[in-house]
Amino acid sequence: MPIIQFQLIPHTTQDGLPYQHLRFQITTEDGLMEPQDLKGLKLPENVQWSQGIVIEGKGPIWLYGYLVHECHPSSWVGCYDPRLGIVVVSSHTHAVKVGNVLPIQLPA
């Protein structure tokens, strides 16, 4: 079993902006991972780079840094913050800008 399980969910913001919700879960018994676990980590193959991607899951900050980097080819990248919603951290489109906060209801 891979150390991280990904779920890619087509979704929209509350304002109707379509994006892909990338939910991850660390699968080890203790819920921990080591930096060397990044080697060989692969995103789901069906990512549509023409849309935005939002990263959500419980993990170390360096895992988020890695995932943001790997998702960089997408139209925009956001990180889910339970207090705020989606925080846009990278953008290649005029539809959203870095620093925008987008309200959402988490997908099931």
PDB file of N, CA and C in Angstrom:
ATOM      1  N   MET A   1       0.843  -1.180   0.000  1.00  0.00           N
ATOM      2  CA  MET A   1       0.000   0.000   0.000  1.00  0.00           C
ATOM      3  C   MET A   1       0.890   1.246   0.000  1.00  0.00           C
ATOM      4  N   PRO A   2       0.557   2.223  -0.842  1.00  0.00           N
ATOM      5  CA  PRO A   2       1.370   3.454  -0.841  1.00  0.00           C
ATOM      6  C   PRO A   2       1.239   4.185   0.498  1.00  0.00           C
ATOM      7  N   ILE A   3       2.270   4.952   0.831  1.00  0.00           N
ATOM      8  CA  ILE A   3       2.280   5.662   2.118  1.00  0.00           C
ATOM      9  C   ILE A   3       1.235   6.771   2.157  1.00  0.00           C
ATOM     10  N   ILE A   4       0.874   7.303   0.976  1.00  0.00           N
ATOM     11  CA  ILE A   4      -0.163   8.327   0.900  1.00  0.00           C
ATOM     12  C   ILE A   4      -1.226   7.873  -0.084  1.00  0.00           C
ATOM     13  N   GLN A   5      -2.462   7.972   0.338  1.00  0.00           N
ATOM     14  CA  GLN A   5      -3.588   7.656  -0.534  1.00  0.00           C
ATOM     15  C   GLN A   5      -4.192   8.981  -0.993  1.00  0.00           C
ATOM     16  N   PHE A   6      -4.335   9.126  -2.318  1.00  0.00           N
ATOM     17  CA  PHE A   6      -4.922  10.330  -2.899  1.00  0.00           C
ATOM     18  C   PHE A   6      -6.333  10.043  -3.379  1.00  0.00           C
ATOM     19  N   GLN A   7      -7.174  11.061  -3.271  1.00  0.00           N
ATOM     20  CA  GLN A   7      -8.511  11.027  -3.842  1.00  0.00           C
ATOM     21  C   GLN A   7      -8.685  12.335  -4.610  1.00  0.00           C
ATOM     22  N   LEU A   8      -8.944  12.251  -5.908  1.00  0.00           N
ATOM     23  CA  LEU A   8      -9.144  13.432  -6.745  1.00  0.00           C
ATOM     24  C   LEU A   8     -10.639  13.551  -7.033  1.00  0.00           C
ATOM     25  N   ILE A   9     -11.241  14.641  -6.549  1.00  0.00           N
ATOM     26  CA  ILE A   9     -12.690  14.801  -6.601  1.00  0.00           C
ATOM     27  C   ILE A   9     -13.035  16.044  -7.429  1.00  0.00           C
ATOM     28  N   PRO A  10     -13.786  15.906  -8.532  1.00  0.00           N
ATOM     29  CA  PRO A  10     -14.250  17.093  -9.250  1.00  0.00           C
ATOM     30  C   PRO A  10     -15.210  17.861  -8.340  1.00  0.00           C
ATOM     31  N   HIS A  11     -15.051  19.187  -8.271  1.00  0.00           N
ATOM     32  CA  HIS A  11     -15.865  19.967  -7.342  1.00  0.00           C
ATOM     33  C   HIS A  11     -15.973  21.406  -7.837  1.00  0.00           C
ATOM     34  N   THR A  12     -16.779  22.218  -7.178  1.00  0.00           N
ATOM     35  CA  THR A  12     -16.891  23.646  -7.476  1.00  0.00           C
ATOM     36  C   THR A  12     -16.905  24.440  -6.180  1.00  0.00           C
ATOM     37  N   THR A  13     -16.434  25.670  -6.265  1.00  0.00           N
ATOM     38  CA  THR A  13     -16.519  26.567  -5.110  1.00  0.00           C
ATOM     39  C   THR A  13     -17.977  26.977  -4.925  1.00  0.00           C
ATOM     40  N   GLN A  14     -18.273  27.667  -3.825  1.00  0.00           N
ATOM     41  CA  GLN A  14     -19.639  28.140  -3.599  1.00  0.00           C
ATOM     42  C   GLN A  14     -20.043  29.178  -4.644  1.00  0.00           C
ATOM     43  N   ASP A  15     -19.048  29.799  -5.297  1.00  0.00           N
ATOM     44  CA  ASP A  15     -19.317  30.765  -6.351  1.00  0.00           C
ATOM     45  C   ASP A  15     -19.396  30.124  -7.734  1.00  0.00           C
ATOM     46  N   GLY A  16     -19.280  28.783  -7.804  1.00  0.00           N
ATOM     47  CA  GLY A  16     -19.432  28.073  -9.070  1.00  0.00           C
ATOM     48  C   GLY A  16     -18.169  27.859  -9.871  1.00  0.00           C
ATOM     49  N   LEU A  17     -16.998  28.152  -9.311  1.00  0.00           N
ATOM     50  CA  LEU A  17     -15.735  27.940 -10.016  1.00  0.00           C
ATOM     51  C   LEU A  17     -15.346  26.462  -9.935  1.00  0.00           C
ATOM     52  N   PRO A  18     -15.240  25.773 -11.092  1.00  0.00           N
ATOM     53  CA  PRO A  18     -14.862  24.355 -11.057  1.00  0.00           C
ATOM     54  C   PRO A  18     -13.381  24.181 -10.713  1.00  0.00           C
ATOM     55  N   TYR A  19     -13.086  23.130  -9.979  1.00  0.00           N
ATOM     56  CA  TYR A  19     -11.709  22.787  -9.623  1.00  0.00           C
ATOM     57  C   TYR A  19     -11.653  21.307  -9.279  1.00  0.00           C
ATOM     58  N   GLN A  20     -10.445  20.822  -9.006  1.00  0.00           N
ATOM     59  CA  GLN A  20     -10.236  19.439  -8.575  1.00  0.00           C
ATOM     60  C   GLN A  20      -9.774  19.462  -7.123  1.00  0.00           C
ATOM     61  N   HIS A  21     -10.435  18.702  -6.305  1.00  0.00           N
ATOM     62  CA  HIS A  21     -10.109  18.652  -4.879  1.00  0.00           C
ATOM     63  C   HIS A  21      -9.192  17.445  -4.653  1.00  0.00           C
ATOM     64  N   LEU A  22      -7.949  17.709  -4.293  1.00  0.00           N
ATOM     65  CA  LEU A  22      -6.971  16.639  -4.069  1.00  0.00           C
ATOM     66  C   LEU A  22      -6.872  16.385  -2.566  1.00  0.00           C
ATOM     67  N   ARG A  23      -7.562  15.358  -2.126  1.00  0.00           N
ATOM     68  CA  ARG A  23      -7.555  14.973  -0.704  1.00  0.00           C
ATOM     69  C   ARG A  23      -6.511  13.876  -0.525  1.00  0.00           C
ATOM     70  N   PHE A  24      -5.706  14.011   0.527  1.00  0.00           N
ATOM     71  CA  PHE A  24      -4.723  12.965   0.795  1.00  0.00           C
ATOM     72  C   PHE A  24      -4.850  12.476   2.228  1.00  0.00           C
ATOM     73  N   GLN A  25      -4.395  11.244   2.421  1.00  0.00           N
ATOM     74  CA  GLN A  25      -4.356  10.650   3.753  1.00  0.00           C
ATOM     75  C   GLN A  25      -3.085   9.818   3.867  1.00  0.00           C
ATOM     76  N   ILE A  26      -2.351  10.036   4.951  1.00  0.00           N
ATOM     77  CA  ILE A  26      -1.166   9.224   5.224  1.00  0.00           C
ATOM     78  C   ILE A  26      -1.657   7.892   5.767  1.00  0.00           C
ATOM     79  N   THR A  27      -1.181   6.794   5.196  1.00  0.00           N
ATOM     80  CA  THR A  27      -1.749   5.478   5.484  1.00  0.00           C
ATOM     81  C   THR A  27      -0.997   4.673   6.539  1.00  0.00           C
ATOM     82  N   THR A  28       0.090   5.233   7.106  1.00  0.00           N
ATOM     83  CA  THR A  28       0.820   4.485   8.128  1.00  0.00           C
ATOM     84  C   THR A  28      -0.020   4.384   9.399  1.00  0.00           C
ATOM     85  N   GLU A  29       0.273   3.376  10.217  1.00  0.00           N
ATOM     86  CA  GLU A  29      -0.493   3.165  11.453  1.00  0.00           C
ATOM     87  C   GLU A  29      -0.456   4.374  12.376  1.00  0.00           C
ATOM     88  N   ASP A  30       0.700   5.036  12.459  1.00  0.00           N
ATOM     89  CA  ASP A  30       0.830   6.183  13.359  1.00  0.00           C
ATOM     90  C   ASP A  30       0.511   7.515  12.681  1.00  0.00           C
ATOM     91  N   GLY A  31       0.173   7.487  11.374  1.00  0.00           N
ATOM     92  CA  GLY A  31      -0.174   8.703  10.657  1.00  0.00           C
ATOM     93  C   GLY A  31       1.010   9.611  10.370  1.00  0.00           C
ATOM     94  N   LEU A  32       2.223   9.061  10.471  1.00  0.00           N
ATOM     95  CA  LEU A  32       3.432   9.848  10.246  1.00  0.00           C
ATOM     96  C   LEU A  32       4.137   9.394   8.980  1.00  0.00           C
ATOM     97  N   MET A  33       4.924  10.300   8.421  1.00  0.00           N
ATOM     98  CA  MET A  33       5.762   9.962   7.272  1.00  0.00           C
ATOM     99  C   MET A  33       7.100  10.648   7.441  1.00  0.00           C
ATOM    100  N   GLU A  34       8.083  10.194   6.694  1.00  0.00           N
ATOM    101  CA  GLU A  34       9.440  10.737   6.739  1.00  0.00           C
ATOM    102  C   GLU A  34       9.732  11.442   5.413  1.00  0.00           C
ATOM    103  N   PRO A  35      10.649  12.408   5.409  1.00  0.00           N
ATOM    104  CA  PRO A  35      10.966  13.110   4.160  1.00  0.00           C
ATOM    105  C   PRO A  35      11.334  12.180   3.004  1.00  0.00           C
ATOM    106  N   GLN A  36      12.028  11.091   3.269  1.00  0.00           N
ATOM    107  CA  GLN A  36      12.405  10.181   2.180  1.00  0.00           C
ATOM    108  C   GLN A  36      11.187   9.521   1.535  1.00  0.00           C
ATOM    109  N   ASP A  37      10.019   9.582   2.190  1.00  0.00           N
ATOM    110  CA  ASP A  37       8.798   9.030   1.610  1.00  0.00           C
ATOM    111  C   ASP A  37       8.314   9.831   0.397  1.00  0.00           C
ATOM    112  N   LEU A  38       8.856  11.040   0.214  1.00  0.00           N
ATOM    113  CA  LEU A  38       8.493  11.839  -0.964  1.00  0.00           C
ATOM    114  C   LEU A  38       9.010  11.208  -2.249  1.00  0.00           C
ATOM    115  N   LYS A  39      10.118  10.447  -2.148  1.00  0.00           N
ATOM    116  CA  LYS A  39      10.681   9.807  -3.337  1.00  0.00           C
ATOM    117  C   LYS A  39       9.667   8.819  -3.907  1.00  0.00           C
ATOM    118  N   GLY A  40       9.374   8.980  -5.158  1.00  0.00           N
ATOM    119  CA  GLY A  40       8.447   8.064  -5.820  1.00  0.00           C
ATOM    120  C   GLY A  40       6.979   8.395  -5.598  1.00  0.00           C
ATOM    121  N   LEU A  41       6.678   9.445  -4.851  1.00  0.00           N
ATOM    122  CA  LEU A  41       5.293   9.842  -4.626  1.00  0.00           C
ATOM    123  C   LEU A  41       4.721  10.399  -5.927  1.00  0.00           C
ATOM    124  N   LYS A  42       3.581   9.879  -6.354  1.00  0.00           N
ATOM    125  CA  LYS A  42       3.000  10.292  -7.624  1.00  0.00           C
ATOM    126  C   LYS A  42       1.564  10.765  -7.418  1.00  0.00           C
ATOM    127  N   LEU A  43       1.236  11.863  -8.102  1.00  0.00           N
ATOM    128  CA  LEU A  43      -0.134  12.364  -8.097  1.00  0.00           C
ATOM    129  C   LEU A  43      -1.013  11.427  -8.924  1.00  0.00           C
ATOM    130  N   PRO A  44      -2.328  11.474  -8.722  1.00  0.00           N
ATOM    131  CA  PRO A  44      -3.213  10.668  -9.577  1.00  0.00           C
ATOM    132  C   PRO A  44      -2.986  11.012 -11.056  1.00  0.00           C
ATOM    133  N   GLU A  45      -3.124  10.005 -11.910  1.00  0.00           N
ATOM    134  CA  GLU A  45      -2.860  10.190 -13.338  1.00  0.00           C
ATOM    135  C   GLU A  45      -3.930  11.014 -14.052  1.00  0.00           C
ATOM    136  N   ASN A  46      -5.124  11.098 -13.488  1.00  0.00           N
ATOM    137  CA  ASN A  46      -6.224  11.753 -14.183  1.00  0.00           C
ATOM    138  C   ASN A  46      -6.385  13.232 -13.831  1.00  0.00           C
ATOM    139  N   VAL A  47      -5.324  13.872 -13.327  1.00  0.00           N
ATOM    140  CA  VAL A  47      -5.376  15.307 -13.035  1.00  0.00           C
ATOM    141  C   VAL A  47      -5.577  16.072 -14.341  1.00  0.00           C
ATOM    142  N   GLN A  48      -6.505  17.018 -14.325  1.00  0.00           N
ATOM    143  CA  GLN A  48      -6.734  17.875 -15.490  1.00  0.00           C
ATOM    144  C   GLN A  48      -6.067  19.215 -15.203  1.00  0.00           C
ATOM    145  N   TRP A  49      -4.928  19.436 -15.837  1.00  0.00           N
ATOM    146  CA  TRP A  49      -4.104  20.599 -15.541  1.00  0.00           C
ATOM    147  C   TRP A  49      -4.756  21.905 -15.959  1.00  0.00           C
ATOM    148  N   SER A  50      -5.808  21.852 -16.771  1.00  0.00           N
ATOM    149  CA  SER A  50      -6.470  23.085 -17.200  1.00  0.00           C
ATOM    150  C   SER A  50      -7.360  23.673 -16.108  1.00  0.00           C
ATOM    151  N   GLN A  51      -7.598  22.926 -15.045  1.00  0.00           N
ATOM    152  CA  GLN A  51      -8.400  23.407 -13.921  1.00  0.00           C
ATOM    153  C   GLN A  51      -7.512  23.690 -12.719  1.00  0.00           C
ATOM    154  N   GLY A  52      -8.088  24.351 -11.729  1.00  0.00           N
ATOM    155  CA  GLY A  52      -7.396  24.548 -10.469  1.00  0.00           C
ATOM    156  C   GLY A  52      -7.394  23.275  -9.643  1.00  0.00           C
ATOM    157  N   ILE A  53      -6.485  23.214  -8.676  1.00  0.00           N
ATOM    158  CA  ILE A  53      -6.383  22.084  -7.758  1.00  0.00           C
ATOM    159  C   ILE A  53      -6.330  22.634  -6.339  1.00  0.00           C
ATOM    160  N   VAL A  54      -7.101  22.022  -5.455  1.00  0.00           N
ATOM    161  CA  VAL A  54      -7.073  22.381  -4.041  1.00  0.00           C
ATOM    162  C   VAL A  54      -6.567  21.184  -3.258  1.00  0.00           C
ATOM    163  N   ILE A  55      -5.568  21.417  -2.422  1.00  0.00           N
ATOM    164  CA  ILE A  55      -4.939  20.360  -1.629  1.00  0.00           C
ATOM    165  C   ILE A  55      -5.546  20.374  -0.230  1.00  0.00           C
ATOM    166  N   GLU A  56      -5.945  19.188   0.235  1.00  0.00           N
ATOM    167  CA  GLU A  56      -6.524  19.069   1.575  1.00  0.00           C
ATOM    168  C   GLU A  56      -6.071  17.757   2.204  1.00  0.00           C
ATOM    169  N   GLY A  57      -5.657  17.818   3.439  1.00  0.00           N
ATOM    170  CA  GLY A  57      -5.294  16.620   4.184  1.00  0.00           C
ATOM    171  C   GLY A  57      -4.421  16.983   5.367  1.00  0.00           C
ATOM    172  N   LYS A  58      -4.270  16.025   6.258  1.00  0.00           N
ATOM    173  CA  LYS A  58      -3.450  16.227   7.449  1.00  0.00           C
ATOM    174  C   LYS A  58      -2.045  15.704   7.162  1.00  0.00           C
ATOM    175  N   GLY A  59      -1.073  16.631   7.148  1.00  0.00           N
ATOM    176  CA  GLY A  59       0.291  16.228   6.856  1.00  0.00           C
ATOM    177  C   GLY A  59       1.264  17.343   7.190  1.00  0.00           C
ATOM    178  N   PRO A  60       2.556  17.036   7.119  1.00  0.00           N
ATOM    179  CA  PRO A  60       3.573  18.039   7.450  1.00  0.00           C
ATOM    180  C   PRO A  60       3.645  19.143   6.398  1.00  0.00           C
ATOM    181  N   ILE A  61       4.145  20.291   6.816  1.00  0.00           N
ATOM    182  CA  ILE A  61       4.230  21.453   5.925  1.00  0.00           C
ATOM    183  C   ILE A  61       5.093  21.147   4.702  1.00  0.00           C
ATOM    184  N   TRP A  62       6.146  20.345   4.867  1.00  0.00           N
ATOM    185  CA  TRP A  62       7.000  20.027   3.719  1.00  0.00           C
ATOM    186  C   TRP A  62       6.282  19.158   2.702  1.00  0.00           C
ATOM    187  N   LEU A  63       5.285  18.383   3.127  1.00  0.00           N
ATOM    188  CA  LEU A  63       4.478  17.622   2.175  1.00  0.00           C
ATOM    189  C   LEU A  63       3.618  18.586   1.357  1.00  0.00           C
ATOM    190  N   TYR A  64       3.045  19.587   2.018  1.00  0.00           N
ATOM    191  CA  TYR A  64       2.275  20.594   1.297  1.00  0.00           C
ATOM    192  C   TYR A  64       3.156  21.336   0.295  1.00  0.00           C
ATOM    193  N   GLY A  65       4.387  21.679   0.703  1.00  0.00           N
ATOM    194  CA  GLY A  65       5.314  22.343  -0.218  1.00  0.00           C
ATOM    195  C   GLY A  65       5.564  21.493  -1.448  1.00  0.00           C
ATOM    196  N   TYR A  66       5.776  20.203  -1.240  1.00  0.00           N
ATOM    197  CA  TYR A  66       6.010  19.281  -2.353  1.00  0.00           C
ATOM    198  C   TYR A  66       4.783  19.200  -3.263  1.00  0.00           C
ATOM    199  N   LEU A  67       3.599  19.077  -2.673  1.00  0.00           N
ATOM    200  CA  LEU A  67       2.382  18.942  -3.474  1.00  0.00           C
ATOM    201  C   LEU A  67       2.073  20.222  -4.252  1.00  0.00           C
ATOM    202  N   VAL A  68       2.278  21.380  -3.638  1.00  0.00           N
ATOM    203  CA  VAL A  68       2.076  22.637  -4.364  1.00  0.00           C
ATOM    204  C   VAL A  68       3.019  22.687  -5.565  1.00  0.00           C
ATOM    205  N   HIS A  69       4.260  22.302  -5.369  1.00  0.00           N
ATOM    206  CA  HIS A  69       5.227  22.287  -6.467  1.00  0.00           C
ATOM    207  C   HIS A  69       4.782  21.329  -7.577  1.00  0.00           C
ATOM    208  N   GLU A  70       4.359  20.144  -7.213  1.00  0.00           N
ATOM    209  CA  GLU A  70       3.940  19.151  -8.202  1.00  0.00           C
ATOM    210  C   GLU A  70       2.679  19.581  -8.948  1.00  0.00           C
ATOM    211  N   CYS A  71       1.822  20.368  -8.308  1.00  0.00           N
ATOM    212  CA  CYS A  71       0.575  20.826  -8.933  1.00  0.00           C
ATOM    213  C   CYS A  71       0.742  22.126  -9.707  1.00  0.00           C
ATOM    214  N   HIS A  72       1.943  22.667  -9.729  1.00  0.00           N
ATOM    215  CA  HIS A  72       2.202  23.963 -10.363  1.00  0.00           C
ATOM    216  C   HIS A  72       1.728  24.065 -11.821  1.00  0.00           C
ATOM    217  N   PRO A  73       1.767  22.992 -12.625  1.00  0.00           N
ATOM    218  CA  PRO A  73       1.297  23.131 -14.019  1.00  0.00           C
ATOM    219  C   PRO A  73      -0.203  23.436 -14.139  1.00  0.00           C
ATOM    220  N   SER A  74      -0.967  23.256 -13.062  1.00  0.00           N
ATOM    221  CA  SER A  74      -2.409  23.490 -13.140  1.00  0.00           C
ATOM    222  C   SER A  74      -2.708  24.975 -13.281  1.00  0.00           C
ATOM    223  N   SER A  75      -3.931  25.271 -13.629  1.00  0.00           N
ATOM    224  CA  SER A  75      -4.372  26.653 -13.818  1.00  0.00           C
ATOM    225  C   SER A  75      -4.142  27.494 -12.559  1.00  0.00           C
ATOM    226  N   TRP A  76      -4.414  26.911 -11.405  1.00  0.00           N
ATOM    227  CA  TRP A  76      -4.158  27.554 -10.121  1.00  0.00           C
ATOM    228  C   TRP A  76      -4.101  26.483  -9.039  1.00  0.00           C
ATOM    229  N   VAL A  77      -3.470  26.820  -7.935  1.00  0.00           N
ATOM    230  CA  VAL A  77      -3.334  25.885  -6.808  1.00  0.00           C
ATOM    231  C   VAL A  77      -3.798  26.598  -5.544  1.00  0.00           C
ATOM    232  N   GLY A  78      -4.575  25.890  -4.744  1.00  0.00           N
ATOM    233  CA  GLY A  78      -5.011  26.409  -3.458  1.00  0.00           C
ATOM    234  C   GLY A  78      -4.819  25.366  -2.382  1.00  0.00           C
ATOM    235  N   CYS A  79      -4.740  25.822  -1.153  1.00  0.00           N
ATOM    236  CA  CYS A  79      -4.679  24.942   0.007  1.00  0.00           C
ATOM    237  C   CYS A  79      -5.932  25.175   0.844  1.00  0.00           C
ATOM    238  N   TYR A  80      -6.517  24.100   1.329  1.00  0.00           N
ATOM    239  CA  TYR A  80      -7.719  24.221   2.141  1.00  0.00           C
ATOM    240  C   TYR A  80      -7.344  24.565   3.571  1.00  0.00           C
ATOM    241  N   ASP A  81      -7.960  25.596   4.100  1.00  0.00           N
ATOM    242  CA  ASP A  81      -7.818  25.991   5.501  1.00  0.00           C
ATOM    243  C   ASP A  81      -9.215  25.899   6.112  1.00  0.00           C
ATOM    244  N   PRO A  82      -9.401  25.068   7.137  1.00  0.00           N
ATOM    245  CA  PRO A  82     -10.748  24.880   7.687  1.00  0.00           C
ATOM    246  C   PRO A  82     -11.367  26.165   8.246  1.00  0.00           C
ATOM    247  N   ARG A  83     -10.549  27.145   8.604  1.00  0.00           N
ATOM    248  CA  ARG A  83     -11.079  28.407   9.136  1.00  0.00           C
ATOM    249  C   ARG A  83     -11.482  29.380   8.037  1.00  0.00           C
ATOM    250  N   LEU A  84     -10.847  29.259   6.866  1.00  0.00           N
ATOM    251  CA  LEU A  84     -11.038  30.255   5.816  1.00  0.00           C
ATOM    252  C   LEU A  84     -11.714  29.726   4.560  1.00  0.00           C
ATOM    253  N   GLY A  85     -11.362  28.546   4.144  1.00  0.00           N
ATOM    254  CA  GLY A  85     -11.777  27.992   2.856  1.00  0.00           C
ATOM    255  C   GLY A  85     -10.533  27.726   2.028  1.00  0.00           C
ATOM    256  N   ILE A  86     -10.602  27.972   0.730  1.00  0.00           N
ATOM    257  CA  ILE A  86      -9.458  27.773  -0.164  1.00  0.00           C
ATOM    258  C   ILE A  86      -8.609  29.042  -0.151  1.00  0.00           C
ATOM    259  N   VAL A  87      -7.323  28.888   0.094  1.00  0.00           N
ATOM    260  CA  VAL A  87      -6.382  29.996  -0.021  1.00  0.00           C
ATOM    261  C   VAL A  87      -5.555  29.744  -1.279  1.00  0.00           C
ATOM    262  N   VAL A  88      -5.669  30.622  -2.259  1.00  0.00           N
ATOM    263  CA  VAL A  88      -4.956  30.464  -3.530  1.00  0.00           C
ATOM    264  C   VAL A  88      -3.484  30.818  -3.313  1.00  0.00           C
ATOM    265  N   VAL A  89      -2.588  29.874  -3.662  1.00  0.00           N
ATOM    266  CA  VAL A  89      -1.148  30.081  -3.452  1.00  0.00           C
ATOM    267  C   VAL A  89      -0.357  30.168  -4.754  1.00  0.00           C
ATOM    268  N   SER A  90      -0.997  29.854  -5.881  1.00  0.00           N
ATOM    269  CA  SER A  90      -0.341  29.931  -7.183  1.00  0.00           C
ATOM    270  C   SER A  90      -1.433  30.105  -8.234  1.00  0.00           C
ATOM    271  N   SER A  91      -1.170  30.931  -9.253  1.00  0.00           N
ATOM    272  CA  SER A  91      -2.186  31.138 -10.281  1.00  0.00           C
ATOM    273  C   SER A  91      -1.549  31.477 -11.619  1.00  0.00           C
ATOM    274  N   HIS A  92      -2.127  30.880 -12.676  1.00  0.00           N
ATOM    275  CA  HIS A  92      -1.738  31.167 -14.052  1.00  0.00           C
ATOM    276  C   HIS A  92      -2.960  31.617 -14.847  1.00  0.00           C
ATOM    277  N   THR A  93      -3.929  32.194 -14.159  1.00  0.00           N
ATOM    278  CA  THR A  93      -5.179  32.599 -14.797  1.00  0.00           C
ATOM    279  C   THR A  93      -5.660  33.908 -14.178  1.00  0.00           C
ATOM    280  N   HIS A  94      -6.502  34.610 -14.925  1.00  0.00           N
ATOM    281  CA  HIS A  94      -7.089  35.840 -14.396  1.00  0.00           C
ATOM    282  C   HIS A  94      -8.320  35.539 -13.534  1.00  0.00           C
ATOM    283  N   ALA A  95      -8.784  34.288 -13.537  1.00  0.00           N
ATOM    284  CA  ALA A  95      -9.989  33.926 -12.786  1.00  0.00           C
ATOM    285  C   ALA A  95      -9.779  34.033 -11.274  1.00  0.00           C
ATOM    286  N   VAL A  96      -8.576  33.725 -10.807  1.00  0.00           N
ATOM    287  CA  VAL A  96      -8.248  33.833  -9.376  1.00  0.00           C
ATOM    288  C   VAL A  96      -6.839  34.400  -9.251  1.00  0.00           C
ATOM    289  N   LYS A  97      -6.579  35.024  -8.133  1.00  0.00           N
ATOM    290  CA  LYS A  97      -5.261  35.612  -7.874  1.00  0.00           C
ATOM    291  C   LYS A  97      -4.689  35.052  -6.583  1.00  0.00           C
ATOM    292  N   VAL A  98      -3.364  35.024  -6.494  1.00  0.00           N
ATOM    293  CA  VAL A  98      -2.695  34.587  -5.277  1.00  0.00           C
ATOM    294  C   VAL A  98      -3.211  35.439  -4.115  1.00  0.00           C
ATOM    295  N   GLY A  99      -3.560  34.771  -3.037  1.00  0.00           N
ATOM    296  CA  GLY A  99      -4.092  35.454  -1.859  1.00  0.00           C
ATOM    297  C   GLY A  99      -5.608  35.483  -1.805  1.00  0.00           C
ATOM    298  N   ASN A 100      -6.281  35.139  -2.921  1.00  0.00           N
ATOM    299  CA  ASN A 100      -7.739  35.049  -2.872  1.00  0.00           C
ATOM    300  C   ASN A 100      -8.158  33.955  -1.908  1.00  0.00           C
ATOM    301  N   VAL A 101      -9.259  34.163  -1.228  1.00  0.00           N
ATOM    302  CA  VAL A 101      -9.861  33.148  -0.360  1.00  0.00           C
ATOM    303  C   VAL A 101     -11.215  32.809  -0.971  1.00  0.00           C
ATOM    304  N   LEU A 102     -11.401  31.530  -1.303  1.00  0.00           N
ATOM    305  CA  LEU A 102     -12.611  31.079  -1.984  1.00  0.00           C
ATOM    306  C   LEU A 102     -13.439  30.208  -1.032  1.00  0.00           C
ATOM    307  N   PRO A 103     -14.692  30.566  -0.785  1.00  0.00           N
ATOM    308  CA  PRO A 103     -15.520  29.753   0.112  1.00  0.00           C
ATOM    309  C   PRO A 103     -15.942  28.449  -0.557  1.00  0.00           C
ATOM    310  N   ILE A 104     -15.931  27.369   0.219  1.00  0.00           N
ATOM    311  CA  ILE A 104     -16.381  26.066  -0.303  1.00  0.00           C
ATOM    312  C   ILE A 104     -17.089  25.281   0.784  1.00  0.00           C
ATOM    313  N   GLN A 105     -17.836  24.304   0.343  1.00  0.00           N
ATOM    314  CA  GLN A 105     -18.324  23.215   1.177  1.00  0.00           C
ATOM    315  C   GLN A 105     -17.449  22.028   0.781  1.00  0.00           C
ATOM    316  N   LEU A 106     -16.804  21.382   1.751  1.00  0.00           N
ATOM    317  CA  LEU A 106     -15.938  20.254   1.408  1.00  0.00           C
ATOM    318  C   LEU A 106     -16.740  19.162   0.698  1.00  0.00           C
ATOM    319  N   PRO A 107     -16.135  18.534  -0.315  1.00  0.00           N
ATOM    320  CA  PRO A 107     -16.809  17.394  -0.942  1.00  0.00           C
ATOM    321  C   PRO A 107     -16.872  16.221   0.030  1.00  0.00           C
ATOM    322  N   ALA A 108     -17.876  15.395  -0.160  1.00  0.00           N
ATOM    323  CA  ALA A 108     -18.071  14.227   0.725  1.00  0.00           C
ATOM    324  C   ALA A 108     -16.940  13.234   0.584  1.00  0.00           C
TER     325      ALA A 108
END
